[in-house]
Amino acid sequence: MSEPLDSNGLLGHESLLDAVIHIDQAVAGNTIAPAAAKGIVYSLVETLGSMVGDPDLPVDLKSAYMDDLDLAVDFEQNSLN
């Protein structure tokens, strides 16, 4: 993991971004089944969506998580279909 949990117990957005990039590389290298990648990315999208919807999430984290969510949704729609 590139960074530890913050004081709120949340992953830093770079960790979630790293996860999407890792899955992208695994799909490109045929080291993960596409169905497994879809499931993992779906879970990431759902998790990020929940985090972004939290009204107590600090604005700077919300912005970073939104960027990660956009990337994950784009990857899900364009690379896994």
N, C-alpha and C. Protein backbone atom coordinates (compact mmCIF):
# COMPACT_ATOMS: atom_id res chain seq x y z
N MET A 1 0.85 -1.16 0.00
CA MET A 1 0.00 0.00 0.00
C MET A 1 0.90 1.24 0.00
N SER A 2 0.56 2.21 -0.81
CA SER A 2 1.42 3.38 -0.95
C SER A 2 1.33 4.36 0.21
N GLU A 3 0.27 4.30 0.97
CA GLU A 3 0.14 5.19 2.11
C GLU A 3 -0.77 4.55 3.16
N PRO A 4 -0.55 4.84 4.43
CA PRO A 4 -1.37 4.23 5.48
C PRO A 4 -2.76 4.88 5.56
N LEU A 5 -3.58 4.33 6.42
CA LEU A 5 -4.89 4.92 6.67
C LEU A 5 -4.70 6.27 7.33
N ASP A 6 -5.62 7.19 7.02
CA ASP A 6 -5.51 8.50 7.65
C ASP A 6 -6.15 8.46 9.04
N SER A 7 -6.23 9.60 9.68
CA SER A 7 -6.74 9.66 11.05
C SER A 7 -8.21 9.26 11.15
N ASN A 8 -8.93 9.30 10.02
CA ASN A 8 -10.33 8.88 10.00
C ASN A 8 -10.48 7.41 9.64
N GLY A 9 -9.36 6.73 9.43
CA GLY A 9 -9.41 5.32 9.06
C GLY A 9 -9.68 5.08 7.59
N LEU A 10 -9.53 6.12 6.76
CA LEU A 10 -9.79 6.01 5.33
C LEU A 10 -8.49 5.82 4.56
N LEU A 11 -8.57 5.06 3.48
CA LEU A 11 -7.41 4.94 2.61
C LEU A 11 -7.17 6.26 1.90
N GLY A 12 -5.91 6.55 1.65
CA GLY A 12 -5.59 7.70 0.83
C GLY A 12 -6.02 7.42 -0.59
N HIS A 13 -6.38 8.45 -1.33
CA HIS A 13 -6.90 8.22 -2.67
C HIS A 13 -5.87 7.57 -3.58
N GLU A 14 -4.57 7.76 -3.31
CA GLU A 14 -3.56 7.13 -4.16
C GLU A 14 -3.64 5.61 -4.09
N SER A 15 -4.02 5.06 -2.96
CA SER A 15 -4.16 3.62 -2.82
C SER A 15 -5.27 3.09 -3.71
N LEU A 16 -6.37 3.81 -3.76
CA LEU A 16 -7.49 3.39 -4.61
C LEU A 16 -7.14 3.57 -6.08
N LEU A 17 -6.44 4.64 -6.40
CA LEU A 17 -5.98 4.86 -7.76
C LEU A 17 -5.02 3.76 -8.18
N ASP A 18 -4.11 3.38 -7.28
CA ASP A 18 -3.18 2.28 -7.56
C ASP A 18 -3.92 0.99 -7.85
N ALA A 19 -5.02 0.76 -7.16
CA ALA A 19 -5.81 -0.47 -7.37
C ALA A 19 -6.38 -0.50 -8.79
N VAL A 20 -6.92 0.61 -9.25
CA VAL A 20 -7.48 0.67 -10.60
C VAL A 20 -6.38 0.46 -11.64
N ILE A 21 -5.25 1.11 -11.43
CA ILE A 21 -4.12 0.97 -12.37
C ILE A 21 -3.62 -0.47 -12.39
N HIS A 22 -3.53 -1.10 -11.23
CA HIS A 22 -3.07 -2.48 -11.15
C HIS A 22 -4.02 -3.42 -11.90
N ILE A 23 -5.32 -3.21 -11.74
CA ILE A 23 -6.29 -4.04 -12.45
C ILE A 23 -6.18 -3.82 -13.95
N ASP A 24 -6.02 -2.58 -14.36
CA ASP A 24 -5.85 -2.27 -15.78
C ASP A 24 -4.64 -3.01 -16.35
N GLN A 25 -3.54 -2.99 -15.64
CA GLN A 25 -2.33 -3.68 -16.10
C GLN A 25 -2.53 -5.19 -16.13
N ALA A 26 -3.26 -5.73 -15.16
CA ALA A 26 -3.51 -7.17 -15.12
C ALA A 26 -4.39 -7.60 -16.29
N VAL A 27 -5.39 -6.80 -16.62
CA VAL A 27 -6.25 -7.12 -17.76
C VAL A 27 -5.44 -7.04 -19.05
N ALA A 28 -4.63 -6.00 -19.19
CA ALA A 28 -3.80 -5.85 -20.40
C ALA A 28 -2.81 -6.99 -20.55
N GLY A 29 -2.30 -7.49 -19.44
CA GLY A 29 -1.31 -8.57 -19.47
C GLY A 29 -1.93 -9.95 -19.40
N ASN A 30 -3.26 -10.03 -19.44
CA ASN A 30 -3.97 -11.32 -19.36
C ASN A 30 -3.59 -12.13 -18.14
N THR A 31 -3.35 -11.46 -17.01
CA THR A 31 -3.02 -12.18 -15.78
C THR A 31 -4.21 -12.23 -14.82
N ILE A 32 -5.36 -11.71 -15.26
CA ILE A 32 -6.59 -11.78 -14.47
C ILE A 32 -7.74 -12.02 -15.44
N ALA A 33 -8.67 -12.83 -15.02
CA ALA A 33 -9.85 -13.08 -15.84
C ALA A 33 -10.69 -11.80 -15.93
N PRO A 34 -11.18 -11.48 -17.10
CA PRO A 34 -12.00 -10.27 -17.24
C PRO A 34 -13.18 -10.23 -16.27
N ALA A 35 -13.81 -11.37 -16.03
CA ALA A 35 -14.95 -11.39 -15.09
C ALA A 35 -14.50 -11.02 -13.68
N ALA A 36 -13.33 -11.48 -13.28
CA ALA A 36 -12.80 -11.13 -11.96
C ALA A 36 -12.49 -9.63 -11.89
N ALA A 37 -11.90 -9.11 -12.95
CA ALA A 37 -11.59 -7.67 -13.00
C ALA A 37 -12.86 -6.85 -12.90
N LYS A 38 -13.92 -7.29 -13.61
CA LYS A 38 -15.20 -6.57 -13.54
C LYS A 38 -15.73 -6.53 -12.11
N GLY A 39 -15.64 -7.66 -11.41
CA GLY A 39 -16.12 -7.71 -10.04
C GLY A 39 -15.35 -6.80 -9.11
N ILE A 40 -14.04 -6.79 -9.28
CA ILE A 40 -13.19 -5.94 -8.43
C ILE A 40 -13.46 -4.47 -8.70
N VAL A 41 -13.53 -4.10 -9.98
CA VAL A 41 -13.77 -2.70 -10.33
C VAL A 41 -15.17 -2.27 -9.87
N TYR A 42 -16.15 -3.16 -10.03
CA TYR A 42 -17.50 -2.85 -9.55
C TYR A 42 -17.47 -2.55 -8.06
N SER A 43 -16.75 -3.35 -7.31
CA SER A 43 -16.64 -3.14 -5.85
C SER A 43 -15.96 -1.81 -5.54
N LEU A 44 -14.92 -1.48 -6.29
CA LEU A 44 -14.25 -0.19 -6.10
C LEU A 44 -15.19 0.97 -6.39
N VAL A 45 -15.96 0.85 -7.47
CA VAL A 45 -16.90 1.92 -7.83
C VAL A 45 -17.95 2.09 -6.72
N GLU A 46 -18.47 0.97 -6.22
CA GLU A 46 -19.46 1.05 -5.15
C GLU A 46 -18.86 1.66 -3.88
N THR A 47 -17.65 1.25 -3.54
CA THR A 47 -16.99 1.78 -2.34
C THR A 47 -16.73 3.27 -2.48
N LEU A 48 -16.17 3.67 -3.62
CA LEU A 48 -15.89 5.08 -3.83
C LEU A 48 -17.18 5.90 -3.86
N GLY A 49 -18.23 5.35 -4.45
CA GLY A 49 -19.52 6.06 -4.46
C GLY A 49 -20.04 6.31 -3.06
N SER A 50 -19.90 5.31 -2.20
CA SER A 50 -20.32 5.47 -0.80
C SER A 50 -19.48 6.52 -0.09
N MET A 51 -18.19 6.49 -0.34
CA MET A 51 -17.29 7.44 0.32
C MET A 51 -17.59 8.87 -0.14
N VAL A 52 -17.80 9.05 -1.43
CA VAL A 52 -18.06 10.38 -1.97
C VAL A 52 -19.39 10.92 -1.45
N GLY A 53 -20.34 10.02 -1.21
CA GLY A 53 -21.65 10.45 -0.72
C GLY A 53 -21.70 10.77 0.76
N ASP A 54 -20.61 10.54 1.48
CA ASP A 54 -20.57 10.80 2.92
C ASP A 54 -20.51 12.31 3.16
N PRO A 55 -21.54 12.88 3.80
CA PRO A 55 -21.55 14.33 4.02
C PRO A 55 -20.45 14.81 4.98
N ASP A 56 -19.88 13.90 5.77
CA ASP A 56 -18.83 14.29 6.70
C ASP A 56 -17.43 14.19 6.11
N LEU A 57 -17.33 13.74 4.87
CA LEU A 57 -16.02 13.61 4.22
C LEU A 57 -15.46 14.99 3.92
N PRO A 58 -14.21 15.24 4.32
CA PRO A 58 -13.61 16.54 4.03
C PRO A 58 -13.58 16.82 2.52
N VAL A 59 -13.72 18.07 2.16
CA VAL A 59 -13.83 18.47 0.76
C VAL A 59 -12.63 18.02 -0.07
N ASP A 60 -11.42 18.13 0.49
CA ASP A 60 -10.24 17.75 -0.29
C ASP A 60 -10.24 16.25 -0.58
N LEU A 61 -10.66 15.44 0.39
CA LEU A 61 -10.75 14.00 0.15
C LEU A 61 -11.86 13.69 -0.84
N LYS A 62 -12.98 14.39 -0.72
CA LYS A 62 -14.10 14.15 -1.64
C LYS A 62 -13.66 14.41 -3.07
N SER A 63 -12.94 15.47 -3.29
CA SER A 63 -12.46 15.79 -4.63
C SER A 63 -11.52 14.70 -5.16
N ALA A 64 -10.60 14.25 -4.33
CA ALA A 64 -9.66 13.21 -4.74
C ALA A 64 -10.40 11.91 -5.03
N TYR A 65 -11.34 11.53 -4.16
CA TYR A 65 -12.11 10.30 -4.36
C TYR A 65 -12.99 10.40 -5.61
N MET A 66 -13.50 11.59 -5.90
CA MET A 66 -14.30 11.78 -7.12
C MET A 66 -13.45 11.51 -8.36
N ASP A 67 -12.21 12.00 -8.34
CA ASP A 67 -11.30 11.73 -9.47
C ASP A 67 -11.07 10.24 -9.62
N ASP A 68 -10.85 9.55 -8.51
CA ASP A 68 -10.65 8.10 -8.55
C ASP A 68 -11.91 7.40 -9.05
N LEU A 69 -13.06 7.85 -8.59
CA LEU A 69 -14.33 7.26 -9.02
C LEU A 69 -14.53 7.44 -10.52
N ASP A 70 -14.25 8.64 -11.01
CA ASP A 70 -14.38 8.89 -12.45
C ASP A 70 -13.47 7.95 -13.26
N LEU A 71 -12.24 7.77 -12.80
CA LEU A 71 -11.31 6.88 -13.48
C LEU A 71 -11.81 5.45 -13.46
N ALA A 72 -12.29 4.99 -12.31
CA ALA A 72 -12.77 3.61 -12.19
C ALA A 72 -14.00 3.38 -13.07
N VAL A 73 -14.92 4.32 -13.10
CA VAL A 73 -16.12 4.18 -13.94
C VAL A 73 -15.71 4.18 -15.41
N ASP A 74 -14.81 5.06 -15.79
CA ASP A 74 -14.34 5.10 -17.18
C ASP A 74 -13.68 3.78 -17.56
N PHE A 75 -12.85 3.26 -16.68
CA PHE A 75 -12.18 1.98 -16.93
C PHE A 75 -13.21 0.86 -17.06
N GLU A 76 -14.20 0.87 -16.15
CA GLU A 76 -15.24 -0.16 -16.17
C GLU A 76 -16.02 -0.13 -17.48
N GLN A 77 -16.35 1.05 -17.96
CA GLN A 77 -17.16 1.19 -19.16
C GLN A 77 -16.38 0.95 -20.45
N ASN A 78 -15.12 1.35 -20.47
CA ASN A 78 -14.36 1.29 -21.72
C ASN A 78 -13.43 0.09 -21.84
N SER A 79 -12.95 -0.44 -20.75
CA SER A 79 -11.97 -1.52 -20.84
C SER A 79 -12.53 -2.89 -20.52
N LEU A 80 -13.65 -2.95 -19.84
CA LEU A 80 -14.15 -4.24 -19.38
C LEU A 80 -15.44 -4.67 -20.08
N ASN A 81 -15.89 -3.92 -21.05
CA ASN A 81 -17.12 -4.31 -21.78
C ASN A 81 -16.81 -4.83 -23.14
